[in-house]
Amino acid sequence: RDPGSSSFGARHFPVGRSLLQNAHS
């Protein structure tokens, strides 16, 4: 299951949003 989904049960922390080509790094 996607760890980012609410049903996964992890705590989320803010990271913001980057341009698509840069987001993963």
PDBML (XML) file of the C-alpha atoms, coordinates in Angstrom:
<?xml version="1.0" encoding="UTF-8" ?>
<PDBx:datablock datablockName="MODEL"
   xmlns:PDBx="http://pdbml.pdb.org/schema/pdbx-v50.xsd"
   xmlns:xsi="http://www.w3.org/2001/XMLSchema-instance"
   xsi:schemaLocation="http://pdbml.pdb.org/schema/pdbx-v50.xsd pdbx-v50.xsd">
   <PDBx:atom_siteCategory>
      <PDBx:atom_site id="1">
         <PDBx:B_iso_or_equiv>0.00</PDBx:B_iso_or_equiv>
         <PDBx:Cartn_x>0.000</PDBx:Cartn_x>
         <PDBx:Cartn_y>0.000</PDBx:Cartn_y>
         <PDBx:Cartn_z>0.000</PDBx:Cartn_z>
         <PDBx:auth_asym_id>A</PDBx:auth_asym_id>
         <PDBx:auth_atom_id>CA</PDBx:auth_atom_id>
         <PDBx:auth_comp_id>ARG</PDBx:auth_comp_id>
         <PDBx:auth_seq_id>1</PDBx:auth_seq_id>
         <PDBx:group_PDB>ATOM</PDBx:group_PDB>
         <PDBx:label_alt_id xsi:nil="true" />
         <PDBx:label_asym_id>A</PDBx:label_asym_id>
         <PDBx:label_atom_id>CA</PDBx:label_atom_id>
         <PDBx:label_comp_id>ARG</PDBx:label_comp_id>
         <PDBx:label_entity_id>1</PDBx:label_entity_id>
         <PDBx:label_seq_id>1</PDBx:label_seq_id>
         <PDBx:occupancy>1.00</PDBx:occupancy>
         <PDBx:pdbx_PDB_model_num>1</PDBx:pdbx_PDB_model_num>
         <PDBx:type_symbol>C</PDBx:type_symbol>
      </PDBx:atom_site>
      <PDBx:atom_site id="2">
         <PDBx:B_iso_or_equiv>0.00</PDBx:B_iso_or_equiv>
         <PDBx:Cartn_x>1.115</PDBx:Cartn_x>
         <PDBx:Cartn_y>3.564</PDBx:Cartn_y>
         <PDBx:Cartn_z>-0.731</PDBx:Cartn_z>
         <PDBx:auth_asym_id>A</PDBx:auth_asym_id>
         <PDBx:auth_atom_id>CA</PDBx:auth_atom_id>
         <PDBx:auth_comp_id>ASP</PDBx:auth_comp_id>
         <PDBx:auth_seq_id>2</PDBx:auth_seq_id>
         <PDBx:group_PDB>ATOM</PDBx:group_PDB>
         <PDBx:label_alt_id xsi:nil="true" />
         <PDBx:label_asym_id>A</PDBx:label_asym_id>
         <PDBx:label_atom_id>CA</PDBx:label_atom_id>
         <PDBx:label_comp_id>ASP</PDBx:label_comp_id>
         <PDBx:label_entity_id>1</PDBx:label_entity_id>
         <PDBx:label_seq_id>2</PDBx:label_seq_id>
         <PDBx:occupancy>1.00</PDBx:occupancy>
         <PDBx:pdbx_PDB_model_num>1</PDBx:pdbx_PDB_model_num>
         <PDBx:type_symbol>C</PDBx:type_symbol>
      </PDBx:atom_site>
      <PDBx:atom_site id="3">
         <PDBx:B_iso_or_equiv>0.00</PDBx:B_iso_or_equiv>
         <PDBx:Cartn_x>2.869</PDBx:Cartn_x>
         <PDBx:Cartn_y>4.750</PDBx:Cartn_y>
         <PDBx:Cartn_z>2.470</PDBx:Cartn_z>
         <PDBx:auth_asym_id>A</PDBx:auth_asym_id>
         <PDBx:auth_atom_id>CA</PDBx:auth_atom_id>
         <PDBx:auth_comp_id>PRO</PDBx:auth_comp_id>
         <PDBx:auth_seq_id>3</PDBx:auth_seq_id>
         <PDBx:group_PDB>ATOM</PDBx:group_PDB>
         <PDBx:label_alt_id xsi:nil="true" />
         <PDBx:label_asym_id>A</PDBx:label_asym_id>
         <PDBx:label_atom_id>CA</PDBx:label_atom_id>
         <PDBx:label_comp_id>PRO</PDBx:label_comp_id>
         <PDBx:label_entity_id>1</PDBx:label_entity_id>
         <PDBx:label_seq_id>3</PDBx:label_seq_id>
         <PDBx:occupancy>1.00</PDBx:occupancy>
         <PDBx:pdbx_PDB_model_num>1</PDBx:pdbx_PDB_model_num>
         <PDBx:type_symbol>C</PDBx:type_symbol>
      </PDBx:atom_site>
      <PDBx:atom_site id="4">
         <PDBx:B_iso_or_equiv>0.00</PDBx:B_iso_or_equiv>
         <PDBx:Cartn_x>1.459</PDBx:Cartn_x>
         <PDBx:Cartn_y>8.208</PDBx:Cartn_y>
         <PDBx:Cartn_z>1.809</PDBx:Cartn_z>
         <PDBx:auth_asym_id>A</PDBx:auth_asym_id>
         <PDBx:auth_atom_id>CA</PDBx:auth_atom_id>
         <PDBx:auth_comp_id>GLY</PDBx:auth_comp_id>
         <PDBx:auth_seq_id>4</PDBx:auth_seq_id>
         <PDBx:group_PDB>ATOM</PDBx:group_PDB>
         <PDBx:label_alt_id xsi:nil="true" />
         <PDBx:label_asym_id>A</PDBx:label_asym_id>
         <PDBx:label_atom_id>CA</PDBx:label_atom_id>
         <PDBx:label_comp_id>GLY</PDBx:label_comp_id>
         <PDBx:label_entity_id>1</PDBx:label_entity_id>
         <PDBx:label_seq_id>4</PDBx:label_seq_id>
         <PDBx:occupancy>1.00</PDBx:occupancy>
         <PDBx:pdbx_PDB_model_num>1</PDBx:pdbx_PDB_model_num>
         <PDBx:type_symbol>C</PDBx:type_symbol>
      </PDBx:atom_site>
      <PDBx:atom_site id="5">
         <PDBx:B_iso_or_equiv>0.00</PDBx:B_iso_or_equiv>
         <PDBx:Cartn_x>-2.147</PDBx:Cartn_x>
         <PDBx:Cartn_y>7.038</PDBx:Cartn_y>
         <PDBx:Cartn_z>2.037</PDBx:Cartn_z>
         <PDBx:auth_asym_id>A</PDBx:auth_asym_id>
         <PDBx:auth_atom_id>CA</PDBx:auth_atom_id>
         <PDBx:auth_comp_id>SER</PDBx:auth_comp_id>
         <PDBx:auth_seq_id>5</PDBx:auth_seq_id>
         <PDBx:group_PDB>ATOM</PDBx:group_PDB>
         <PDBx:label_alt_id xsi:nil="true" />
         <PDBx:label_asym_id>A</PDBx:label_asym_id>
         <PDBx:label_atom_id>CA</PDBx:label_atom_id>
         <PDBx:label_comp_id>SER</PDBx:label_comp_id>
         <PDBx:label_entity_id>1</PDBx:label_entity_id>
         <PDBx:label_seq_id>5</PDBx:label_seq_id>
         <PDBx:occupancy>1.00</PDBx:occupancy>
         <PDBx:pdbx_PDB_model_num>1</PDBx:pdbx_PDB_model_num>
         <PDBx:type_symbol>C</PDBx:type_symbol>
      </PDBx:atom_site>
      <PDBx:atom_site id="6">
         <PDBx:B_iso_or_equiv>0.00</PDBx:B_iso_or_equiv>
         <PDBx:Cartn_x>-4.048</PDBx:Cartn_x>
         <PDBx:Cartn_y>7.645</PDBx:Cartn_y>
         <PDBx:Cartn_z>5.256</PDBx:Cartn_z>
         <PDBx:auth_asym_id>A</PDBx:auth_asym_id>
         <PDBx:auth_atom_id>CA</PDBx:auth_atom_id>
         <PDBx:auth_comp_id>SER</PDBx:auth_comp_id>
         <PDBx:auth_seq_id>6</PDBx:auth_seq_id>
         <PDBx:group_PDB>ATOM</PDBx:group_PDB>
         <PDBx:label_alt_id xsi:nil="true" />
         <PDBx:label_asym_id>A</PDBx:label_asym_id>
         <PDBx:label_atom_id>CA</PDBx:label_atom_id>
         <PDBx:label_comp_id>SER</PDBx:label_comp_id>
         <PDBx:label_entity_id>1</PDBx:label_entity_id>
         <PDBx:label_seq_id>6</PDBx:label_seq_id>
         <PDBx:occupancy>1.00</PDBx:occupancy>
         <PDBx:pdbx_PDB_model_num>1</PDBx:pdbx_PDB_model_num>
         <PDBx:type_symbol>C</PDBx:type_symbol>
      </PDBx:atom_site>
      <PDBx:atom_site id="7">
         <PDBx:B_iso_or_equiv>0.00</PDBx:B_iso_or_equiv>
         <PDBx:Cartn_x>-4.891</PDBx:Cartn_x>
         <PDBx:Cartn_y>3.935</PDBx:Cartn_y>
         <PDBx:Cartn_z>5.506</PDBx:Cartn_z>
         <PDBx:auth_asym_id>A</PDBx:auth_asym_id>
         <PDBx:auth_atom_id>CA</PDBx:auth_atom_id>
         <PDBx:auth_comp_id>SER</PDBx:auth_comp_id>
         <PDBx:auth_seq_id>7</PDBx:auth_seq_id>
         <PDBx:group_PDB>ATOM</PDBx:group_PDB>
         <PDBx:label_alt_id xsi:nil="true" />
         <PDBx:label_asym_id>A</PDBx:label_asym_id>
         <PDBx:label_atom_id>CA</PDBx:label_atom_id>
         <PDBx:label_comp_id>SER</PDBx:label_comp_id>
         <PDBx:label_entity_id>1</PDBx:label_entity_id>
         <PDBx:label_seq_id>7</PDBx:label_seq_id>
         <PDBx:occupancy>1.00</PDBx:occupancy>
         <PDBx:pdbx_PDB_model_num>1</PDBx:pdbx_PDB_model_num>
         <PDBx:type_symbol>C</PDBx:type_symbol>
      </PDBx:atom_site>
      <PDBx:atom_site id="8">
         <PDBx:B_iso_or_equiv>0.00</PDBx:B_iso_or_equiv>
         <PDBx:Cartn_x>-1.191</PDBx:Cartn_x>
         <PDBx:Cartn_y>3.029</PDBx:Cartn_y>
         <PDBx:Cartn_z>5.762</PDBx:Cartn_z>
         <PDBx:auth_asym_id>A</PDBx:auth_asym_id>
         <PDBx:auth_atom_id>CA</PDBx:auth_atom_id>
         <PDBx:auth_comp_id>PHE</PDBx:auth_comp_id>
         <PDBx:auth_seq_id>8</PDBx:auth_seq_id>
         <PDBx:group_PDB>ATOM</PDBx:group_PDB>
         <PDBx:label_alt_id xsi:nil="true" />
         <PDBx:label_asym_id>A</PDBx:label_asym_id>
         <PDBx:label_atom_id>CA</PDBx:label_atom_id>
         <PDBx:label_comp_id>PHE</PDBx:label_comp_id>
         <PDBx:label_entity_id>1</PDBx:label_entity_id>
         <PDBx:label_seq_id>8</PDBx:label_seq_id>
         <PDBx:occupancy>1.00</PDBx:occupancy>
         <PDBx:pdbx_PDB_model_num>1</PDBx:pdbx_PDB_model_num>
         <PDBx:type_symbol>C</PDBx:type_symbol>
      </PDBx:atom_site>
      <PDBx:atom_site id="9">
         <PDBx:B_iso_or_equiv>0.00</PDBx:B_iso_or_equiv>
         <PDBx:Cartn_x>-1.021</PDBx:Cartn_x>
         <PDBx:Cartn_y>4.480</PDBx:Cartn_y>
         <PDBx:Cartn_z>9.266</PDBx:Cartn_z>
         <PDBx:auth_asym_id>A</PDBx:auth_asym_id>
         <PDBx:auth_atom_id>CA</PDBx:auth_atom_id>
         <PDBx:auth_comp_id>GLY</PDBx:auth_comp_id>
         <PDBx:auth_seq_id>9</PDBx:auth_seq_id>
         <PDBx:group_PDB>ATOM</PDBx:group_PDB>
         <PDBx:label_alt_id xsi:nil="true" />
         <PDBx:label_asym_id>A</PDBx:label_asym_id>
         <PDBx:label_atom_id>CA</PDBx:label_atom_id>
         <PDBx:label_comp_id>GLY</PDBx:label_comp_id>
         <PDBx:label_entity_id>1</PDBx:label_entity_id>
         <PDBx:label_seq_id>9</PDBx:label_seq_id>
         <PDBx:occupancy>1.00</PDBx:occupancy>
         <PDBx:pdbx_PDB_model_num>1</PDBx:pdbx_PDB_model_num>
         <PDBx:type_symbol>C</PDBx:type_symbol>
      </PDBx:atom_site>
      <PDBx:atom_site id="10">
         <PDBx:B_iso_or_equiv>0.00</PDBx:B_iso_or_equiv>
         <PDBx:Cartn_x>2.240</PDBx:Cartn_x>
         <PDBx:Cartn_y>6.457</PDBx:Cartn_y>
         <PDBx:Cartn_z>9.114</PDBx:Cartn_z>
         <PDBx:auth_asym_id>A</PDBx:auth_asym_id>
         <PDBx:auth_atom_id>CA</PDBx:auth_atom_id>
         <PDBx:auth_comp_id>ALA</PDBx:auth_comp_id>
         <PDBx:auth_seq_id>10</PDBx:auth_seq_id>
         <PDBx:group_PDB>ATOM</PDBx:group_PDB>
         <PDBx:label_alt_id xsi:nil="true" />
         <PDBx:label_asym_id>A</PDBx:label_asym_id>
         <PDBx:label_atom_id>CA</PDBx:label_atom_id>
         <PDBx:label_comp_id>ALA</PDBx:label_comp_id>
         <PDBx:label_entity_id>1</PDBx:label_entity_id>
         <PDBx:label_seq_id>10</PDBx:label_seq_id>
         <PDBx:occupancy>1.00</PDBx:occupancy>
         <PDBx:pdbx_PDB_model_num>1</PDBx:pdbx_PDB_model_num>
         <PDBx:type_symbol>C</PDBx:type_symbol>
      </PDBx:atom_site>
      <PDBx:atom_site id="11">
         <PDBx:B_iso_or_equiv>0.00</PDBx:B_iso_or_equiv>
         <PDBx:Cartn_x>2.736</PDBx:Cartn_x>
         <PDBx:Cartn_y>10.007</PDBx:Cartn_y>
         <PDBx:Cartn_z>10.362</PDBx:Cartn_z>
         <PDBx:auth_asym_id>A</PDBx:auth_asym_id>
         <PDBx:auth_atom_id>CA</PDBx:auth_atom_id>
         <PDBx:auth_comp_id>ARG</PDBx:auth_comp_id>
         <PDBx:auth_seq_id>11</PDBx:auth_seq_id>
         <PDBx:group_PDB>ATOM</PDBx:group_PDB>
         <PDBx:label_alt_id xsi:nil="true" />
         <PDBx:label_asym_id>A</PDBx:label_asym_id>
         <PDBx:label_atom_id>CA</PDBx:label_atom_id>
         <PDBx:label_comp_id>ARG</PDBx:label_comp_id>
         <PDBx:label_entity_id>1</PDBx:label_entity_id>
         <PDBx:label_seq_id>11</PDBx:label_seq_id>
         <PDBx:occupancy>1.00</PDBx:occupancy>
         <PDBx:pdbx_PDB_model_num>1</PDBx:pdbx_PDB_model_num>
         <PDBx:type_symbol>C</PDBx:type_symbol>
      </PDBx:atom_site>
      <PDBx:atom_site id="12">
         <PDBx:B_iso_or_equiv>0.00</PDBx:B_iso_or_equiv>
         <PDBx:Cartn_x>3.176</PDBx:Cartn_x>
         <PDBx:Cartn_y>12.621</PDBx:Cartn_y>
         <PDBx:Cartn_z>7.648</PDBx:Cartn_z>
         <PDBx:auth_asym_id>A</PDBx:auth_asym_id>
         <PDBx:auth_atom_id>CA</PDBx:auth_atom_id>
         <PDBx:auth_comp_id>HIS</PDBx:auth_comp_id>
         <PDBx:auth_seq_id>12</PDBx:auth_seq_id>
         <PDBx:group_PDB>ATOM</PDBx:group_PDB>
         <PDBx:label_alt_id xsi:nil="true" />
         <PDBx:label_asym_id>A</PDBx:label_asym_id>
         <PDBx:label_atom_id>CA</PDBx:label_atom_id>
         <PDBx:label_comp_id>HIS</PDBx:label_comp_id>
         <PDBx:label_entity_id>1</PDBx:label_entity_id>
         <PDBx:label_seq_id>12</PDBx:label_seq_id>
         <PDBx:occupancy>1.00</PDBx:occupancy>
         <PDBx:pdbx_PDB_model_num>1</PDBx:pdbx_PDB_model_num>
         <PDBx:type_symbol>C</PDBx:type_symbol>
      </PDBx:atom_site>
      <PDBx:atom_site id="13">
         <PDBx:B_iso_or_equiv>0.00</PDBx:B_iso_or_equiv>
         <PDBx:Cartn_x>5.572</PDBx:Cartn_x>
         <PDBx:Cartn_y>15.532</PDBx:Cartn_y>
         <PDBx:Cartn_z>7.743</PDBx:Cartn_z>
         <PDBx:auth_asym_id>A</PDBx:auth_asym_id>
         <PDBx:auth_atom_id>CA</PDBx:auth_atom_id>
         <PDBx:auth_comp_id>PHE</PDBx:auth_comp_id>
         <PDBx:auth_seq_id>13</PDBx:auth_seq_id>
         <PDBx:group_PDB>ATOM</PDBx:group_PDB>
         <PDBx:label_alt_id xsi:nil="true" />
         <PDBx:label_asym_id>A</PDBx:label_asym_id>
         <PDBx:label_atom_id>CA</PDBx:label_atom_id>
         <PDBx:label_comp_id>PHE</PDBx:label_comp_id>
         <PDBx:label_entity_id>1</PDBx:label_entity_id>
         <PDBx:label_seq_id>13</PDBx:label_seq_id>
         <PDBx:occupancy>1.00</PDBx:occupancy>
         <PDBx:pdbx_PDB_model_num>1</PDBx:pdbx_PDB_model_num>
         <PDBx:type_symbol>C</PDBx:type_symbol>
      </PDBx:atom_site>
      <PDBx:atom_site id="14">
         <PDBx:B_iso_or_equiv>0.00</PDBx:B_iso_or_equiv>
         <PDBx:Cartn_x>5.470</PDBx:Cartn_x>
         <PDBx:Cartn_y>18.588</PDBx:Cartn_y>
         <PDBx:Cartn_z>5.443</PDBx:Cartn_z>
         <PDBx:auth_asym_id>A</PDBx:auth_asym_id>
         <PDBx:auth_atom_id>CA</PDBx:auth_atom_id>
         <PDBx:auth_comp_id>PRO</PDBx:auth_comp_id>
         <PDBx:auth_seq_id>14</PDBx:auth_seq_id>
         <PDBx:group_PDB>ATOM</PDBx:group_PDB>
         <PDBx:label_alt_id xsi:nil="true" />
         <PDBx:label_asym_id>A</PDBx:label_asym_id>
         <PDBx:label_atom_id>CA</PDBx:label_atom_id>
         <PDBx:label_comp_id>PRO</PDBx:label_comp_id>
         <PDBx:label_entity_id>1</PDBx:label_entity_id>
         <PDBx:label_seq_id>14</PDBx:label_seq_id>
         <PDBx:occupancy>1.00</PDBx:occupancy>
         <PDBx:pdbx_PDB_model_num>1</PDBx:pdbx_PDB_model_num>
         <PDBx:type_symbol>C</PDBx:type_symbol>
      </PDBx:atom_site>
      <PDBx:atom_site id="15">
         <PDBx:B_iso_or_equiv>0.00</PDBx:B_iso_or_equiv>
         <PDBx:Cartn_x>7.913</PDBx:Cartn_x>
         <PDBx:Cartn_y>18.697</PDBx:Cartn_y>
         <PDBx:Cartn_z>2.530</PDBx:Cartn_z>
         <PDBx:auth_asym_id>A</PDBx:auth_asym_id>
         <PDBx:auth_atom_id>CA</PDBx:auth_atom_id>
         <PDBx:auth_comp_id>VAL</PDBx:auth_comp_id>
         <PDBx:auth_seq_id>15</PDBx:auth_seq_id>
         <PDBx:group_PDB>ATOM</PDBx:group_PDB>
         <PDBx:label_alt_id xsi:nil="true" />
         <PDBx:label_asym_id>A</PDBx:label_asym_id>
         <PDBx:label_atom_id>CA</PDBx:label_atom_id>
         <PDBx:label_comp_id>VAL</PDBx:label_comp_id>
         <PDBx:label_entity_id>1</PDBx:label_entity_id>
         <PDBx:label_seq_id>15</PDBx:label_seq_id>
         <PDBx:occupancy>1.00</PDBx:occupancy>
         <PDBx:pdbx_PDB_model_num>1</PDBx:pdbx_PDB_model_num>
         <PDBx:type_symbol>C</PDBx:type_symbol>
      </PDBx:atom_site>
      <PDBx:atom_site id="16">
         <PDBx:B_iso_or_equiv>0.00</PDBx:B_iso_or_equiv>
         <PDBx:Cartn_x>6.351</PDBx:Cartn_x>
         <PDBx:Cartn_y>21.201</PDBx:Cartn_y>
         <PDBx:Cartn_z>0.132</PDBx:Cartn_z>
         <PDBx:auth_asym_id>A</PDBx:auth_asym_id>
         <PDBx:auth_atom_id>CA</PDBx:auth_atom_id>
         <PDBx:auth_comp_id>GLY</PDBx:auth_comp_id>
         <PDBx:auth_seq_id>16</PDBx:auth_seq_id>
         <PDBx:group_PDB>ATOM</PDBx:group_PDB>
         <PDBx:label_alt_id xsi:nil="true" />
         <PDBx:label_asym_id>A</PDBx:label_asym_id>
         <PDBx:label_atom_id>CA</PDBx:label_atom_id>
         <PDBx:label_comp_id>GLY</PDBx:label_comp_id>
         <PDBx:label_entity_id>1</PDBx:label_entity_id>
         <PDBx:label_seq_id>16</PDBx:label_seq_id>
         <PDBx:occupancy>1.00</PDBx:occupancy>
         <PDBx:pdbx_PDB_model_num>1</PDBx:pdbx_PDB_model_num>
         <PDBx:type_symbol>C</PDBx:type_symbol>
      </PDBx:atom_site>
      <PDBx:atom_site id="17">
         <PDBx:B_iso_or_equiv>0.00</PDBx:B_iso_or_equiv>
         <PDBx:Cartn_x>6.150</PDBx:Cartn_x>
         <PDBx:Cartn_y>20.978</PDBx:Cartn_y>
         <PDBx:Cartn_z>-3.635</PDBx:Cartn_z>
         <PDBx:auth_asym_id>A</PDBx:auth_asym_id>
         <PDBx:auth_atom_id>CA</PDBx:auth_atom_id>
         <PDBx:auth_comp_id>ARG</PDBx:auth_comp_id>
         <PDBx:auth_seq_id>17</PDBx:auth_seq_id>
         <PDBx:group_PDB>ATOM</PDBx:group_PDB>
         <PDBx:label_alt_id xsi:nil="true" />
         <PDBx:label_asym_id>A</PDBx:label_asym_id>
         <PDBx:label_atom_id>CA</PDBx:label_atom_id>
         <PDBx:label_comp_id>ARG</PDBx:label_comp_id>
         <PDBx:label_entity_id>1</PDBx:label_entity_id>
         <PDBx:label_seq_id>17</PDBx:label_seq_id>
         <PDBx:occupancy>1.00</PDBx:occupancy>
         <PDBx:pdbx_PDB_model_num>1</PDBx:pdbx_PDB_model_num>
         <PDBx:type_symbol>C</PDBx:type_symbol>
      </PDBx:atom_site>
      <PDBx:atom_site id="18">
         <PDBx:B_iso_or_equiv>0.00</PDBx:B_iso_or_equiv>
         <PDBx:Cartn_x>8.933</PDBx:Cartn_x>
         <PDBx:Cartn_y>21.218</PDBx:Cartn_y>
         <PDBx:Cartn_z>-6.212</PDBx:Cartn_z>
         <PDBx:auth_asym_id>A</PDBx:auth_asym_id>
         <PDBx:auth_atom_id>CA</PDBx:auth_atom_id>
         <PDBx:auth_comp_id>SER</PDBx:auth_comp_id>
         <PDBx:auth_seq_id>18</PDBx:auth_seq_id>
         <PDBx:group_PDB>ATOM</PDBx:group_PDB>
         <PDBx:label_alt_id xsi:nil="true" />
         <PDBx:label_asym_id>A</PDBx:label_asym_id>
         <PDBx:label_atom_id>CA</PDBx:label_atom_id>
         <PDBx:label_comp_id>SER</PDBx:label_comp_id>
         <PDBx:label_entity_id>1</PDBx:label_entity_id>
         <PDBx:label_seq_id>18</PDBx:label_seq_id>
         <PDBx:occupancy>1.00</PDBx:occupancy>
         <PDBx:pdbx_PDB_model_num>1</PDBx:pdbx_PDB_model_num>
         <PDBx:type_symbol>C</PDBx:type_symbol>
      </PDBx:atom_site>
      <PDBx:atom_site id="19">
         <PDBx:B_iso_or_equiv>0.00</PDBx:B_iso_or_equiv>
         <PDBx:Cartn_x>8.980</PDBx:Cartn_x>
         <PDBx:Cartn_y>21.279</PDBx:Cartn_y>
         <PDBx:Cartn_z>-9.975</PDBx:Cartn_z>
         <PDBx:auth_asym_id>A</PDBx:auth_asym_id>
         <PDBx:auth_atom_id>CA</PDBx:auth_atom_id>
         <PDBx:auth_comp_id>LEU</PDBx:auth_comp_id>
         <PDBx:auth_seq_id>19</PDBx:auth_seq_id>
         <PDBx:group_PDB>ATOM</PDBx:group_PDB>
         <PDBx:label_alt_id xsi:nil="true" />
         <PDBx:label_asym_id>A</PDBx:label_asym_id>
         <PDBx:label_atom_id>CA</PDBx:label_atom_id>
         <PDBx:label_comp_id>LEU</PDBx:label_comp_id>
         <PDBx:label_entity_id>1</PDBx:label_entity_id>
         <PDBx:label_seq_id>19</PDBx:label_seq_id>
         <PDBx:occupancy>1.00</PDBx:occupancy>
         <PDBx:pdbx_PDB_model_num>1</PDBx:pdbx_PDB_model_num>
         <PDBx:type_symbol>C</PDBx:type_symbol>
      </PDBx:atom_site>
      <PDBx:atom_site id="20">
         <PDBx:B_iso_or_equiv>0.00</PDBx:B_iso_or_equiv>
         <PDBx:Cartn_x>8.117</PDBx:Cartn_x>
         <PDBx:Cartn_y>17.894</PDBx:Cartn_y>
         <PDBx:Cartn_z>-11.439</PDBx:Cartn_z>
         <PDBx:auth_asym_id>A</PDBx:auth_asym_id>
         <PDBx:auth_atom_id>CA</PDBx:auth_atom_id>
         <PDBx:auth_comp_id>LEU</PDBx:auth_comp_id>
         <PDBx:auth_seq_id>20</PDBx:auth_seq_id>
         <PDBx:group_PDB>ATOM</PDBx:group_PDB>
         <PDBx:label_alt_id xsi:nil="true" />
         <PDBx:label_asym_id>A</PDBx:label_asym_id>
         <PDBx:label_atom_id>CA</PDBx:label_atom_id>
         <PDBx:label_comp_id>LEU</PDBx:label_comp_id>
         <PDBx:label_entity_id>1</PDBx:label_entity_id>
         <PDBx:label_seq_id>20</PDBx:label_seq_id>
         <PDBx:occupancy>1.00</PDBx:occupancy>
         <PDBx:pdbx_PDB_model_num>1</PDBx:pdbx_PDB_model_num>
         <PDBx:type_symbol>C</PDBx:type_symbol>
      </PDBx:atom_site>
      <PDBx:atom_site id="21">
         <PDBx:B_iso_or_equiv>0.00</PDBx:B_iso_or_equiv>
         <PDBx:Cartn_x>11.612</PDBx:Cartn_x>
         <PDBx:Cartn_y>17.244</PDBx:Cartn_y>
         <PDBx:Cartn_z>-12.763</PDBx:Cartn_z>
         <PDBx:auth_asym_id>A</PDBx:auth_asym_id>
         <PDBx:auth_atom_id>CA</PDBx:auth_atom_id>
         <PDBx:auth_comp_id>GLN</PDBx:auth_comp_id>
         <PDBx:auth_seq_id>21</PDBx:auth_seq_id>
         <PDBx:group_PDB>ATOM</PDBx:group_PDB>
         <PDBx:label_alt_id xsi:nil="true" />
         <PDBx:label_asym_id>A</PDBx:label_asym_id>
         <PDBx:label_atom_id>CA</PDBx:label_atom_id>
         <PDBx:label_comp_id>GLN</PDBx:label_comp_id>
         <PDBx:label_entity_id>1</PDBx:label_entity_id>
         <PDBx:label_seq_id>21</PDBx:label_seq_id>
         <PDBx:occupancy>1.00</PDBx:occupancy>
         <PDBx:pdbx_PDB_model_num>1</PDBx:pdbx_PDB_model_num>
         <PDBx:type_symbol>C</PDBx:type_symbol>
      </PDBx:atom_site>
      <PDBx:atom_site id="22">
         <PDBx:B_iso_or_equiv>0.00</PDBx:B_iso_or_equiv>
         <PDBx:Cartn_x>13.199</PDBx:Cartn_x>
         <PDBx:Cartn_y>18.029</PDBx:Cartn_y>
         <PDBx:Cartn_z>-9.368</PDBx:Cartn_z>
         <PDBx:auth_asym_id>A</PDBx:auth_asym_id>
         <PDBx:auth_atom_id>CA</PDBx:auth_atom_id>
         <PDBx:auth_comp_id>ASN</PDBx:auth_comp_id>
         <PDBx:auth_seq_id>22</PDBx:auth_seq_id>
         <PDBx:group_PDB>ATOM</PDBx:group_PDB>
         <PDBx:label_alt_id xsi:nil="true" />
         <PDBx:label_asym_id>A</PDBx:label_asym_id>
         <PDBx:label_atom_id>CA</PDBx:label_atom_id>
         <PDBx:label_comp_id>ASN</PDBx:label_comp_id>
         <PDBx:label_entity_id>1</PDBx:label_entity_id>
         <PDBx:label_seq_id>22</PDBx:label_seq_id>
         <PDBx:occupancy>1.00</PDBx:occupancy>
         <PDBx:pdbx_PDB_model_num>1</PDBx:pdbx_PDB_model_num>
         <PDBx:type_symbol>C</PDBx:type_symbol>
      </PDBx:atom_site>
      <PDBx:atom_site id="23">
         <PDBx:B_iso_or_equiv>0.00</PDBx:B_iso_or_equiv>
         <PDBx:Cartn_x>10.622</PDBx:Cartn_x>
         <PDBx:Cartn_y>16.648</PDBx:Cartn_y>
         <PDBx:Cartn_z>-6.963</PDBx:Cartn_z>
         <PDBx:auth_asym_id>A</PDBx:auth_asym_id>
         <PDBx:auth_atom_id>CA</PDBx:auth_atom_id>
         <PDBx:auth_comp_id>ALA</PDBx:auth_comp_id>
         <PDBx:auth_seq_id>23</PDBx:auth_seq_id>
         <PDBx:group_PDB>ATOM</PDBx:group_PDB>
         <PDBx:label_alt_id xsi:nil="true" />
         <PDBx:label_asym_id>A</PDBx:label_asym_id>
         <PDBx:label_atom_id>CA</PDBx:label_atom_id>
         <PDBx:label_comp_id>ALA</PDBx:label_comp_id>
         <PDBx:label_entity_id>1</PDBx:label_entity_id>
         <PDBx:label_seq_id>23</PDBx:label_seq_id>
         <PDBx:occupancy>1.00</PDBx:occupancy>
         <PDBx:pdbx_PDB_model_num>1</PDBx:pdbx_PDB_model_num>
         <PDBx:type_symbol>C</PDBx:type_symbol>
      </PDBx:atom_site>
      <PDBx:atom_site id="24">
         <PDBx:B_iso_or_equiv>0.00</PDBx:B_iso_or_equiv>
         <PDBx:Cartn_x>12.025</PDBx:Cartn_x>
         <PDBx:Cartn_y>13.162</PDBx:Cartn_y>
         <PDBx:Cartn_z>-6.410</PDBx:Cartn_z>
         <PDBx:auth_asym_id>A</PDBx:auth_asym_id>
         <PDBx:auth_atom_id>CA</PDBx:auth_atom_id>
         <PDBx:auth_comp_id>HIS</PDBx:auth_comp_id>
         <PDBx:auth_seq_id>24</PDBx:auth_seq_id>
         <PDBx:group_PDB>ATOM</PDBx:group_PDB>
         <PDBx:label_alt_id xsi:nil="true" />
         <PDBx:label_asym_id>A</PDBx:label_asym_id>
         <PDBx:label_atom_id>CA</PDBx:label_atom_id>
         <PDBx:label_comp_id>HIS</PDBx:label_comp_id>
         <PDBx:label_entity_id>1</PDBx:label_entity_id>
         <PDBx:label_seq_id>24</PDBx:label_seq_id>
         <PDBx:occupancy>1.00</PDBx:occupancy>
         <PDBx:pdbx_PDB_model_num>1</PDBx:pdbx_PDB_model_num>
         <PDBx:type_symbol>C</PDBx:type_symbol>
      </PDBx:atom_site>
      <PDBx:atom_site id="25">
         <PDBx:B_iso_or_equiv>0.00</PDBx:B_iso_or_equiv>
         <PDBx:Cartn_x>15.462</PDBx:Cartn_x>
         <PDBx:Cartn_y>14.470</PDBx:Cartn_y>
         <PDBx:Cartn_z>-5.368</PDBx:Cartn_z>
         <PDBx:auth_asym_id>A</PDBx:auth_asym_id>
         <PDBx:auth_atom_id>CA</PDBx:auth_atom_id>
         <PDBx:auth_comp_id>SER</PDBx:auth_comp_id>
         <PDBx:auth_seq_id>25</PDBx:auth_seq_id>
         <PDBx:group_PDB>ATOM</PDBx:group_PDB>
         <PDBx:label_alt_id xsi:nil="true" />
         <PDBx:label_asym_id>A</PDBx:label_asym_id>
         <PDBx:label_atom_id>CA</PDBx:label_atom_id>
         <PDBx:label_comp_id>SER</PDBx:label_comp_id>
         <PDBx:label_entity_id>1</PDBx:label_entity_id>
         <PDBx:label_seq_id>25</PDBx:label_seq_id>
         <PDBx:occupancy>1.00</PDBx:occupancy>
         <PDBx:pdbx_PDB_model_num>1</PDBx:pdbx_PDB_model_num>
         <PDBx:type_symbol>C</PDBx:type_symbol>
      </PDBx:atom_site>
   </PDBx:atom_siteCategory>
</PDBx:datablock>
